[in-house]
Amino acid sequence: MPVWFLPETDEDRRLAPLIDKWMRGEDKEPCWLCKRESRKTTYGYMCWECQEARHVWEAHVAAAVKVEYERRAAAYDGMCQSCALTRVKGTFECESCSKWWEV
């Protein structure tokens, strides 16, 4: 195996494995979102196709998060999450706390 880099300082010793991995081309991984092997990026960042469609998948994720939040809020039965003084059911906050946030 060829020696690409001979570390001399503490910083060089920390960077040596990363530089060696980069020199051998092993830093390319599939996109973290689509996981396609045909679109390998440095350290598995987002590929250009996923970046182009970002507005589409962000809308899907936002809708899924909103639905999950509403489902959990409807099933909640416990103390108010803001003041912890009033028992609430079907929501996370009592009426006075939710009105305080609107102001």
PDB file of N, CA and C in Angstrom:
ATOM      1  N   MET A   1       0.843  -1.172   0.000  1.00  0.00           N
ATOM      2  CA  MET A   1       0.000   0.000   0.000  1.00  0.00           C
ATOM      3  C   MET A   1       0.892   1.239   0.000  1.00  0.00           C
ATOM      4  N   PRO A   2       0.620   2.180  -0.889  1.00  0.00           N
ATOM      5  CA  PRO A   2       1.459   3.379  -0.949  1.00  0.00           C
ATOM      6  C   PRO A   2       1.197   4.290   0.246  1.00  0.00           C
ATOM      7  N   VAL A   3       2.214   5.014   0.629  1.00  0.00           N
ATOM      8  CA  VAL A   3       2.083   5.975   1.719  1.00  0.00           C
ATOM      9  C   VAL A   3       1.769   7.332   1.087  1.00  0.00           C
ATOM     10  N   TRP A   4       0.559   7.824   1.352  1.00  0.00           N
ATOM     11  CA  TRP A   4       0.129   9.094   0.772  1.00  0.00           C
ATOM     12  C   TRP A   4       0.546  10.264   1.646  1.00  0.00           C
ATOM     13  N   PHE A   5       0.610  10.026   2.931  1.00  0.00           N
ATOM     14  CA  PHE A   5       0.723  11.142   3.846  1.00  0.00           C
ATOM     15  C   PHE A   5       1.444  10.671   5.103  1.00  0.00           C
ATOM     16  N   LEU A   6       2.502  11.327   5.489  1.00  0.00           N
ATOM     17  CA  LEU A   6       3.230  10.983   6.703  1.00  0.00           C
ATOM     18  C   LEU A   6       2.949  12.046   7.761  1.00  0.00           C
ATOM     19  N   PRO A   7       2.150  11.706   8.794  1.00  0.00           N
ATOM     20  CA  PRO A   7       1.777  12.708   9.799  1.00  0.00           C
ATOM     21  C   PRO A   7       2.963  13.127  10.655  1.00  0.00           C
ATOM     22  N   GLU A   8       3.008  14.427  10.961  1.00  0.00           N
ATOM     23  CA  GLU A   8       4.093  14.948  11.769  1.00  0.00           C
ATOM     24  C   GLU A   8       3.599  15.679  13.017  1.00  0.00           C
ATOM     25  N   THR A   9       2.453  16.353  12.936  1.00  0.00           N
ATOM     26  CA  THR A   9       1.908  17.071  14.082  1.00  0.00           C
ATOM     27  C   THR A   9       0.615  16.400  14.534  1.00  0.00           C
ATOM     28  N   ASP A  10       0.063  16.865  15.659  1.00  0.00           N
ATOM     29  CA  ASP A  10      -1.203  16.310  16.154  1.00  0.00           C
ATOM     30  C   ASP A  10      -2.331  16.533  15.155  1.00  0.00           C
ATOM     31  N   GLU A  11      -2.369  17.707  14.552  1.00  0.00           N
ATOM     32  CA  GLU A  11      -3.393  17.991  13.550  1.00  0.00           C
ATOM     33  C   GLU A  11      -3.239  17.072  12.339  1.00  0.00           C
ATOM     34  N   ASP A  12      -2.000  16.846  11.913  1.00  0.00           N
ATOM     35  CA  ASP A  12      -1.757  15.932  10.789  1.00  0.00           C
ATOM     36  C   ASP A  12      -2.196  14.523  11.128  1.00  0.00           C
ATOM     37  N   ARG A  13      -1.988  14.110  12.376  1.00  0.00           N
ATOM     38  CA  ARG A  13      -2.398  12.762  12.782  1.00  0.00           C
ATOM     39  C   ARG A  13      -3.923  12.617  12.765  1.00  0.00           C
ATOM     40  N   ARG A  14      -4.634  13.687  13.118  1.00  0.00           N
ATOM     41  CA  ARG A  14      -6.102  13.641  13.077  1.00  0.00           C
ATOM     42  C   ARG A  14      -6.615  13.657  11.640  1.00  0.00           C
ATOM     43  N   LEU A  15      -5.950  14.404  10.768  1.00  0.00           N
ATOM     44  CA  LEU A  15      -6.414  14.526   9.388  1.00  0.00           C
ATOM     45  C   LEU A  15      -5.946  13.390   8.489  1.00  0.00           C
ATOM     46  N   ALA A  16      -4.917  12.657   8.894  1.00  0.00           N
ATOM     47  CA  ALA A  16      -4.336  11.614   8.044  1.00  0.00           C
ATOM     48  C   ALA A  16      -5.362  10.587   7.568  1.00  0.00           C
ATOM     49  N   PRO A  17      -6.223  10.021   8.441  1.00  0.00           N
ATOM     50  CA  PRO A  17      -7.200   9.042   7.938  1.00  0.00           C
ATOM     51  C   PRO A  17      -8.175   9.628   6.924  1.00  0.00           C
ATOM     52  N   LEU A  18      -8.599  10.903   7.132  1.00  0.00           N
ATOM     53  CA  LEU A  18      -9.524  11.529   6.190  1.00  0.00           C
ATOM     54  C   LEU A  18      -8.866  11.788   4.838  1.00  0.00           C
ATOM     55  N   ILE A  19      -7.630  12.255   4.875  1.00  0.00           N
ATOM     56  CA  ILE A  19      -6.911  12.522   3.627  1.00  0.00           C
ATOM     57  C   ILE A  19      -6.645  11.226   2.880  1.00  0.00           C
ATOM     58  N   ASP A  20      -6.289  10.173   3.620  1.00  0.00           N
ATOM     59  CA  ASP A  20      -6.036   8.875   2.995  1.00  0.00           C
ATOM     60  C   ASP A  20      -7.302   8.326   2.345  1.00  0.00           C
ATOM     61  N   LYS A  21      -8.427   8.453   3.043  1.00  0.00           N
ATOM     62  CA  LYS A  21      -9.709   7.995   2.497  1.00  0.00           C
ATOM     63  C   LYS A  21     -10.066   8.782   1.236  1.00  0.00           C
ATOM     64  N   TRP A  22      -9.827  10.100   1.246  1.00  0.00           N
ATOM     65  CA  TRP A  22     -10.124  10.939   0.091  1.00  0.00           C
ATOM     66  C   TRP A  22      -9.220  10.578  -1.085  1.00  0.00           C
ATOM     67  N   MET A  23      -7.938  10.340  -0.832  1.00  0.00           N
ATOM     68  CA  MET A  23      -6.992  10.017  -1.901  1.00  0.00           C
ATOM     69  C   MET A  23      -7.331   8.681  -2.570  1.00  0.00           C
ATOM     70  N   ARG A  24      -7.861   7.743  -1.811  1.00  0.00           N
ATOM     71  CA  ARG A  24      -8.240   6.448  -2.375  1.00  0.00           C
ATOM     72  C   ARG A  24      -9.636   6.453  -2.985  1.00  0.00           C
ATOM     73  N   GLY A  25     -10.365   7.561  -2.839  1.00  0.00           N
ATOM     74  CA  GLY A  25     -11.697   7.672  -3.428  1.00  0.00           C
ATOM     75  C   GLY A  25     -12.762   6.934  -2.656  1.00  0.00           C
ATOM     76  N   GLU A  26     -12.522   6.623  -1.392  1.00  0.00           N
ATOM     77  CA  GLU A  26     -13.493   5.888  -0.589  1.00  0.00           C
ATOM     78  C   GLU A  26     -14.463   6.804   0.148  1.00  0.00           C
ATOM     79  N   ASP A  27     -14.402   8.089  -0.120  1.00  0.00           N
ATOM     80  CA  ASP A  27     -15.296   9.030   0.545  1.00  0.00           C
ATOM     81  C   ASP A  27     -16.637   9.168  -0.173  1.00  0.00           C
ATOM     82  N   LYS A  28     -16.808   8.482  -1.280  1.00  0.00           N
ATOM     83  CA  LYS A  28     -18.063   8.554  -2.037  1.00  0.00           C
ATOM     84  C   LYS A  28     -19.055   7.531  -1.501  1.00  0.00           C
ATOM     85  N   GLU A  29     -20.243   8.011  -1.146  1.00  0.00           N
ATOM     86  CA  GLU A  29     -21.317   7.160  -0.630  1.00  0.00           C
ATOM     87  C   GLU A  29     -22.614   7.539  -1.326  1.00  0.00           C
ATOM     88  N   PRO A  30     -23.615   6.647  -1.313  1.00  0.00           N
ATOM     89  CA  PRO A  30     -24.906   6.986  -1.927  1.00  0.00           C
ATOM     90  C   PRO A  30     -25.559   8.179  -1.229  1.00  0.00           C
ATOM     91  N   CYS A  31     -26.383   8.885  -1.970  1.00  0.00           N
ATOM     92  CA  CYS A  31     -27.134  10.020  -1.435  1.00  0.00           C
ATOM     93  C   CYS A  31     -27.910   9.572  -0.194  1.00  0.00           C
ATOM     94  N   TRP A  32     -27.933  10.385   0.842  1.00  0.00           N
ATOM     95  CA  TRP A  32     -28.602   9.998   2.083  1.00  0.00           C
ATOM     96  C   TRP A  32     -30.111   9.937   1.925  1.00  0.00           C
ATOM     97  N   LEU A  33     -30.667  10.619   0.939  1.00  0.00           N
ATOM     98  CA  LEU A  33     -32.118  10.653   0.784  1.00  0.00           C
ATOM     99  C   LEU A  33     -32.624   9.527  -0.109  1.00  0.00           C
ATOM    100  N   CYS A  34     -32.076   9.407  -1.308  1.00  0.00           N
ATOM    101  CA  CYS A  34     -32.593   8.409  -2.249  1.00  0.00           C
ATOM    102  C   CYS A  34     -31.837   7.082  -2.172  1.00  0.00           C
ATOM    103  N   LYS A  35     -30.636   7.079  -1.611  1.00  0.00           N
ATOM    104  CA  LYS A  35     -29.824   5.870  -1.412  1.00  0.00           C
ATOM    105  C   LYS A  35     -29.453   5.155  -2.708  1.00  0.00           C
ATOM    106  N   ARG A  36     -29.463   5.884  -3.834  1.00  0.00           N
ATOM    107  CA  ARG A  36     -29.133   5.248  -5.109  1.00  0.00           C
ATOM    108  C   ARG A  36     -27.622   5.150  -5.281  1.00  0.00           C
ATOM    109  N   GLU A  37     -27.168   3.990  -5.669  1.00  0.00           N
ATOM    110  CA  GLU A  37     -25.744   3.760  -5.891  1.00  0.00           C
ATOM    111  C   GLU A  37     -25.232   4.543  -7.099  1.00  0.00           C
ATOM    112  N   SER A  38     -26.122   4.875  -8.045  1.00  0.00           N
ATOM    113  CA  SER A  38     -25.697   5.594  -9.246  1.00  0.00           C
ATOM    114  C   SER A  38     -25.387   7.066  -8.967  1.00  0.00           C
ATOM    115  N   ARG A  39     -25.837   7.593  -7.841  1.00  0.00           N
ATOM    116  CA  ARG A  39     -25.622   8.996  -7.488  1.00  0.00           C
ATOM    117  C   ARG A  39     -24.788   9.105  -6.215  1.00  0.00           C
ATOM    118  N   LYS A  40     -23.553   8.656  -6.256  1.00  0.00           N
ATOM    119  CA  LYS A  40     -22.691   8.729  -5.092  1.00  0.00           C
ATOM    120  C   LYS A  40     -22.127  10.141  -4.946  1.00  0.00           C
ATOM    121  N   THR A  41     -22.128  10.631  -3.716  1.00  0.00           N
ATOM    122  CA  THR A  41     -21.604  11.956  -3.425  1.00  0.00           C
ATOM    123  C   THR A  41     -20.573  11.850  -2.307  1.00  0.00           C
ATOM    124  N   THR A  42     -19.826  12.903  -2.109  1.00  0.00           N
ATOM    125  CA  THR A  42     -18.816  12.919  -1.061  1.00  0.00           C
ATOM    126  C   THR A  42     -19.481  12.773   0.301  1.00  0.00           C
ATOM    127  N   TYR A  43     -19.084  11.748   1.015  1.00  0.00           N
ATOM    128  CA  TYR A  43     -19.596  11.425   2.353  1.00  0.00           C
ATOM    129  C   TYR A  43     -21.117  11.292   2.395  1.00  0.00           C
ATOM    130  N   GLY A  44     -21.740  10.947   1.282  1.00  0.00           N
ATOM    131  CA  GLY A  44     -23.163  10.665   1.259  1.00  0.00           C
ATOM    132  C   GLY A  44     -24.066  11.866   1.379  1.00  0.00           C
ATOM    133  N   TYR A  45     -23.626  13.035   0.924  1.00  0.00           N
ATOM    134  CA  TYR A  45     -24.499  14.205   0.938  1.00  0.00           C
ATOM    135  C   TYR A  45     -25.615  14.031  -0.089  1.00  0.00           C
ATOM    136  N   MET A  46     -26.487  15.016  -0.188  1.00  0.00           N
ATOM    137  CA  MET A  46     -27.622  14.942  -1.091  1.00  0.00           C
ATOM    138  C   MET A  46     -27.175  15.090  -2.548  1.00  0.00           C
ATOM    139  N   CYS A  47     -27.686  14.224  -3.422  1.00  0.00           N
ATOM    140  CA  CYS A  47     -27.341  14.294  -4.839  1.00  0.00           C
ATOM    141  C   CYS A  47     -28.093  15.459  -5.504  1.00  0.00           C
ATOM    142  N   TRP A  48     -27.696  15.793  -6.710  1.00  0.00           N
ATOM    143  CA  TRP A  48     -28.282  16.962  -7.375  1.00  0.00           C
ATOM    144  C   TRP A  48     -29.750  16.741  -7.711  1.00  0.00           C
ATOM    145  N   GLU A  49     -30.166  15.486  -7.992  1.00  0.00           N
ATOM    146  CA  GLU A  49     -31.578  15.234  -8.311  1.00  0.00           C
ATOM    147  C   GLU A  49     -32.464  15.470  -7.093  1.00  0.00           C
ATOM    148  N   CYS A  50     -32.006  15.056  -5.921  1.00  0.00           N
ATOM    149  CA  CYS A  50     -32.773  15.291  -4.699  1.00  0.00           C
ATOM    150  C   CYS A  50     -32.802  16.777  -4.354  1.00  0.00           C
ATOM    151  N   GLN A  51     -31.709  17.477  -4.631  1.00  0.00           N
ATOM    152  CA  GLN A  51     -31.698  18.920  -4.393  1.00  0.00           C
ATOM    153  C   GLN A  51     -32.676  19.638  -5.317  1.00  0.00           C
ATOM    154  N   GLU A  52     -32.779  19.172  -6.570  1.00  0.00           N
ATOM    155  CA  GLU A  52     -33.730  19.777  -7.512  1.00  0.00           C
ATOM    156  C   GLU A  52     -35.172  19.557  -7.064  1.00  0.00           C
ATOM    157  N   ALA A  53     -35.454  18.411  -6.457  1.00  0.00           N
ATOM    158  CA  ALA A  53     -36.809  18.069  -6.026  1.00  0.00           C
ATOM    159  C   ALA A  53     -37.046  18.380  -4.546  1.00  0.00           C
ATOM    160  N   ARG A  54     -36.193  19.206  -3.966  1.00  0.00           N
ATOM    161  CA  ARG A  54     -36.263  19.484  -2.533  1.00  0.00           C
ATOM    162  C   ARG A  54     -37.621  20.040  -2.108  1.00  0.00           C
ATOM    163  N   HIS A  55     -38.182  20.960  -2.886  1.00  0.00           N
ATOM    164  CA  HIS A  55     -39.474  21.546  -2.519  1.00  0.00           C
ATOM    165  C   HIS A  55     -40.574  20.492  -2.462  1.00  0.00           C
ATOM    166  N   VAL A  56     -40.467  19.447  -3.279  1.00  0.00           N
ATOM    167  CA  VAL A  56     -41.485  18.393  -3.297  1.00  0.00           C
ATOM    168  C   VAL A  56     -41.388  17.531  -2.040  1.00  0.00           C
ATOM    169  N   TRP A  57     -40.188  16.998  -1.752  1.00  0.00           N
ATOM    170  CA  TRP A  57     -40.085  16.110  -0.597  1.00  0.00           C
ATOM    171  C   TRP A  57     -40.162  16.857   0.722  1.00  0.00           C
ATOM    172  N   GLU A  58     -39.777  18.134   0.762  1.00  0.00           N
ATOM    173  CA  GLU A  58     -39.958  18.908   1.992  1.00  0.00           C
ATOM    174  C   GLU A  58     -41.439  19.104   2.300  1.00  0.00           C
ATOM    175  N   ALA A  59     -42.259  19.299   1.273  1.00  0.00           N
ATOM    176  CA  ALA A  59     -43.699  19.430   1.481  1.00  0.00           C
ATOM    177  C   ALA A  59     -44.296  18.124   2.008  1.00  0.00           C
ATOM    178  N   HIS A  60     -43.825  16.985   1.478  1.00  0.00           N
ATOM    179  CA  HIS A  60     -44.309  15.688   1.958  1.00  0.00           C
ATOM    180  C   HIS A  60     -43.904  15.457   3.414  1.00  0.00           C
ATOM    181  N   VAL A  61     -42.679  15.797   3.762  1.00  0.00           N
ATOM    182  CA  VAL A  61     -42.210  15.623   5.141  1.00  0.00           C
ATOM    183  C   VAL A  61     -42.985  16.550   6.077  1.00  0.00           C
ATOM    184  N   ALA A  62     -43.204  17.795   5.678  1.00  0.00           N
ATOM    185  CA  ALA A  62     -43.954  18.738   6.508  1.00  0.00           C
ATOM    186  C   ALA A  62     -45.381  18.260   6.742  1.00  0.00           C
ATOM    187  N   ALA A  63     -46.019  17.717   5.709  1.00  0.00           N
ATOM    188  CA  ALA A  63     -47.381  17.198   5.856  1.00  0.00           C
ATOM    189  C   ALA A  63     -47.407  16.002   6.799  1.00  0.00           C
ATOM    190  N   ALA A  64     -46.434  15.117   6.680  1.00  0.00           N
ATOM    191  CA  ALA A  64     -46.381  13.946   7.551  1.00  0.00           C
ATOM    192  C   ALA A  64     -46.140  14.348   9.006  1.00  0.00           C
ATOM    193  N   VAL A  65     -45.270  15.322   9.225  1.00  0.00           N
ATOM    194  CA  VAL A  65     -45.000  15.795  10.587  1.00  0.00           C
ATOM    195  C   VAL A  65     -46.241  16.446  11.178  1.00  0.00           C
ATOM    196  N   LYS A  66     -46.971  17.221  10.385  1.00  0.00           N
ATOM    197  CA  LYS A  66     -48.188  17.883  10.863  1.00  0.00           C
ATOM    198  C   LYS A  66     -49.259  16.868  11.250  1.00  0.00           C
ATOM    199  N   VAL A  67     -49.436  15.852  10.425  1.00  0.00           N
ATOM    200  CA  VAL A  67     -50.435  14.822  10.715  1.00  0.00           C
ATOM    201  C   VAL A  67     -50.061  14.061  11.984  1.00  0.00           C
ATOM    202  N   GLU A  68     -48.794  13.719  12.141  1.00  0.00           N
ATOM    203  CA  GLU A  68     -48.346  13.002  13.339  1.00  0.00           C
ATOM    204  C   GLU A  68     -48.525  13.854  14.592  1.00  0.00           C
ATOM    205  N   TYR A  69     -48.225  15.154  14.501  1.00  0.00           N
ATOM    206  CA  TYR A  69     -48.425  16.055  15.640  1.00  0.00           C
ATOM    207  C   TYR A  69     -49.899  16.126  16.021  1.00  0.00           C
ATOM    208  N   GLU A  70     -50.776  16.272  15.028  1.00  0.00           N
ATOM    209  CA  GLU A  70     -52.213  16.352  15.301  1.00  0.00           C
ATOM    210  C   GLU A  70     -52.729  15.052  15.902  1.00  0.00           C
ATOM    211  N   ARG A  71     -52.218  13.911  15.437  1.00  0.00           N
ATOM    212  CA  ARG A  71     -52.643  12.619  15.984  1.00  0.00           C
ATOM    213  C   ARG A  71     -52.230  12.496  17.450  1.00  0.00           C
ATOM    214  N   ARG A  72     -50.996  12.881  17.752  1.00  0.00           N
ATOM    215  CA  ARG A  72     -50.521  12.802  19.136  1.00  0.00           C
ATOM    216  C   ARG A  72     -51.259  13.790  20.037  1.00  0.00           C
ATOM    217  N   ALA A  73     -51.552  14.980  19.519  1.00  0.00           N
ATOM    218  CA  ALA A  73     -52.286  15.973  20.305  1.00  0.00           C
ATOM    219  C   ALA A  73     -53.692  15.481  20.613  1.00  0.00           C
ATOM    220  N   ALA A  74     -54.351  14.852  19.647  1.00  0.00           N
ATOM    221  CA  ALA A  74     -55.706  14.348  19.861  1.00  0.00           C
ATOM    222  C   ALA A  74     -55.727  13.224  20.894  1.00  0.00           C
ATOM    223  N   ALA A  75     -54.661  12.448  20.975  1.00  0.00           N
ATOM    224  CA  ALA A  75     -54.600  11.329  21.908  1.00  0.00           C
ATOM    225  C   ALA A  75     -54.055  11.729  23.277  1.00  0.00           C
ATOM    226  N   TYR A  76     -53.572  12.963  23.432  1.00  0.00           N
ATOM    227  CA  TYR A  76     -52.933  13.385  24.674  1.00  0.00           C
ATOM    228  C   TYR A  76     -53.959  13.613  25.770  1.00  0.00           C
ATOM    229  N   ASP A  77     -53.670  13.113  26.944  1.00  0.00           N
ATOM    230  CA  ASP A  77     -54.497  13.334  28.124  1.00  0.00           C
ATOM    231  C   ASP A  77     -53.541  13.501  29.302  1.00  0.00           C
ATOM    232  N   GLY A  78     -53.316  14.741  29.692  1.00  0.00           N
ATOM    233  CA  GLY A  78     -52.377  15.000  30.775  1.00  0.00           C
ATOM    234  C   GLY A  78     -52.322  16.476  31.106  1.00  0.00           C
ATOM    235  N   MET A  79     -51.247  16.857  31.753  1.00  0.00           N
ATOM    236  CA  MET A  79     -51.084  18.244  32.168  1.00  0.00           C
ATOM    237  C   MET A  79     -50.672  19.120  30.972  1.00  0.00           C
ATOM    238  N   CYS A  80     -51.021  20.396  31.051  1.00  0.00           N
ATOM    239  CA  CYS A  80     -50.652  21.360  30.019  1.00  0.00           C
ATOM    240  C   CYS A  80     -49.134  21.363  29.857  1.00  0.00           C
ATOM    241  N   GLN A  81     -48.654  21.307  28.611  1.00  0.00           N
ATOM    242  CA  GLN A  81     -47.218  21.248  28.344  1.00  0.00           C
ATOM    243  C   GLN A  81     -46.515  22.578  28.616  1.00  0.00           C
ATOM    244  N   SER A  82     -47.264  23.677  28.714  1.00  0.00           N
ATOM    245  CA  SER A  82     -46.646  24.987  28.947  1.00  0.00           C
ATOM    246  C   SER A  82     -46.591  25.348  30.425  1.00  0.00           C
ATOM    247  N   CYS A  83     -47.718  25.258  31.094  1.00  0.00           N
ATOM    248  CA  CYS A  83     -47.751  25.716  32.491  1.00  0.00           C
ATOM    249  C   CYS A  83     -47.761  24.571  33.498  1.00  0.00           C
ATOM    250  N   ALA A  84     -48.160  23.379  33.091  1.00  0.00           N
ATOM    251  CA  ALA A  84     -48.239  22.196  33.964  1.00  0.00           C
ATOM    252  C   ALA A  84     -49.169  22.419  35.150  1.00  0.00           C
ATOM    253  N   LEU A  85     -50.157  23.296  35.001  1.00  0.00           N
ATOM    254  CA  LEU A  85     -51.104  23.565  36.080  1.00  0.00           C
ATOM    255  C   LEU A  85     -52.489  23.010  35.782  1.00  0.00           C
ATOM    256  N   THR A  86     -52.866  22.941  34.540  1.00  0.00           N
ATOM    257  CA  THR A  86     -54.210  22.542  34.130  1.00  0.00           C
ATOM    258  C   THR A  86     -54.156  21.220  33.406  1.00  0.00           C
ATOM    259  N   ARG A  87     -55.113  20.344  33.721  1.00  0.00           N
ATOM    260  CA  ARG A  87     -55.208  19.068  33.022  1.00  0.00           C
ATOM    261  C   ARG A  87     -55.963  19.297  31.705  1.00  0.00           C
ATOM    262  N   VAL A  88     -55.404  18.797  30.607  1.00  0.00           N
ATOM    263  CA  VAL A  88     -56.010  18.968  29.286  1.00  0.00           C
ATOM    264  C   VAL A  88     -56.205  17.610  28.630  1.00  0.00           C
ATOM    265  N   LYS A  89     -57.132  17.580  27.694  1.00  0.00           N
ATOM    266  CA  LYS A  89     -57.399  16.356  26.941  1.00  0.00           C
ATOM    267  C   LYS A  89     -57.655  16.737  25.489  1.00  0.00           C
ATOM    268  N   GLY A  90     -56.947  16.099  24.557  1.00  0.00           N
ATOM    269  CA  GLY A  90     -57.142  16.363  23.139  1.00  0.00           C
ATOM    270  C   GLY A  90     -56.285  17.503  22.600  1.00  0.00           C
ATOM    271  N   THR A  91     -55.431  18.048  23.413  1.00  0.00           N
ATOM    272  CA  THR A  91     -54.519  19.111  22.998  1.00  0.00           C
ATOM    273  C   THR A  91     -53.344  19.135  23.972  1.00  0.00           C
ATOM    274  N   PHE A  92     -52.279  19.819  23.611  1.00  0.00           N
ATOM    275  CA  PHE A  92     -51.103  19.858  24.487  1.00  0.00           C
ATOM    276  C   PHE A  92     -51.123  21.035  25.458  1.00  0.00           C
ATOM    277  N   GLU A  93     -51.910  22.082  25.159  1.00  0.00           N
ATOM    278  CA  GLU A  93     -51.924  23.277  25.988  1.00  0.00           C
ATOM    279  C   GLU A  93     -53.335  23.646  26.420  1.00  0.00           C
ATOM    280  N   CYS A  94     -53.422  24.268  27.596  1.00  0.00           N
ATOM    281  CA  CYS A  94     -54.720  24.763  28.048  1.00  0.00           C
ATOM    282  C   CYS A  94     -55.101  26.003  27.238  1.00  0.00           C
ATOM    283  N   GLU A  95     -56.321  26.433  27.400  1.00  0.00           N
ATOM    284  CA  GLU A  95     -56.823  27.547  26.583  1.00  0.00           C
ATOM    285  C   GLU A  95     -56.069  28.844  26.848  1.00  0.00           C
ATOM    286  N   SER A  96     -55.750  29.130  28.107  1.00  0.00           N
ATOM    287  CA  SER A  96     -55.050  30.384  28.422  1.00  0.00           C
ATOM    288  C   SER A  96     -53.624  30.379  27.857  1.00  0.00           C
ATOM    289  N   CYS A  97     -52.949  29.247  27.897  1.00  0.00           N
ATOM    290  CA  CYS A  97     -51.584  29.185  27.344  1.00  0.00           C
ATOM    291  C   CYS A  97     -51.599  29.293  25.823  1.00  0.00           C
ATOM    292  N   SER A  98     -52.538  28.653  25.166  1.00  0.00           N
ATOM    293  CA  SER A  98     -52.587  28.731  23.706  1.00  0.00           C
ATOM    294  C   SER A  98     -52.926  30.143  23.241  1.00  0.00           C
ATOM    295  N   LYS A  99     -53.756  30.870  23.996  1.00  0.00           N
ATOM    296  CA  LYS A  99     -54.053  32.259  23.648  1.00  0.00           C
ATOM    297  C   LYS A  99     -52.854  33.153  23.907  1.00  0.00           C
ATOM    298  N   TRP A 100     -52.050  32.826  24.923  1.00  0.00           N
ATOM    299  CA  TRP A 100     -50.865  33.616  25.212  1.00  0.00           C
ATOM    300  C   TRP A 100     -49.889  33.545  24.043  1.00  0.00           C
ATOM    301  N   TRP A 101     -49.756  32.384  23.382  1.00  0.00           N
ATOM    302  CA  TRP A 101     -48.846  32.243  22.246  1.00  0.00           C
ATOM    303  C   TRP A 101     -49.335  33.027  21.026  1.00  0.00           C
ATOM    304  N   GLU A 102     -50.646  33.222  20.893  1.00  0.00           N
ATOM    305  CA  GLU A 102     -51.201  33.924  19.739  1.00  0.00           C
ATOM    306  C   GLU A 102     -50.913  35.420  19.785  1.00  0.00           C
ATOM    307  N   VAL A 103     -50.729  35.945  20.976  1.00  0.00           N
ATOM    308  CA  VAL A 103     -50.526  37.399  21.120  1.00  0.00           C
ATOM    309  C   VAL A 103     -49.220  37.842  20.595  1.00  0.00           C
TER     310      VAL A 103
END
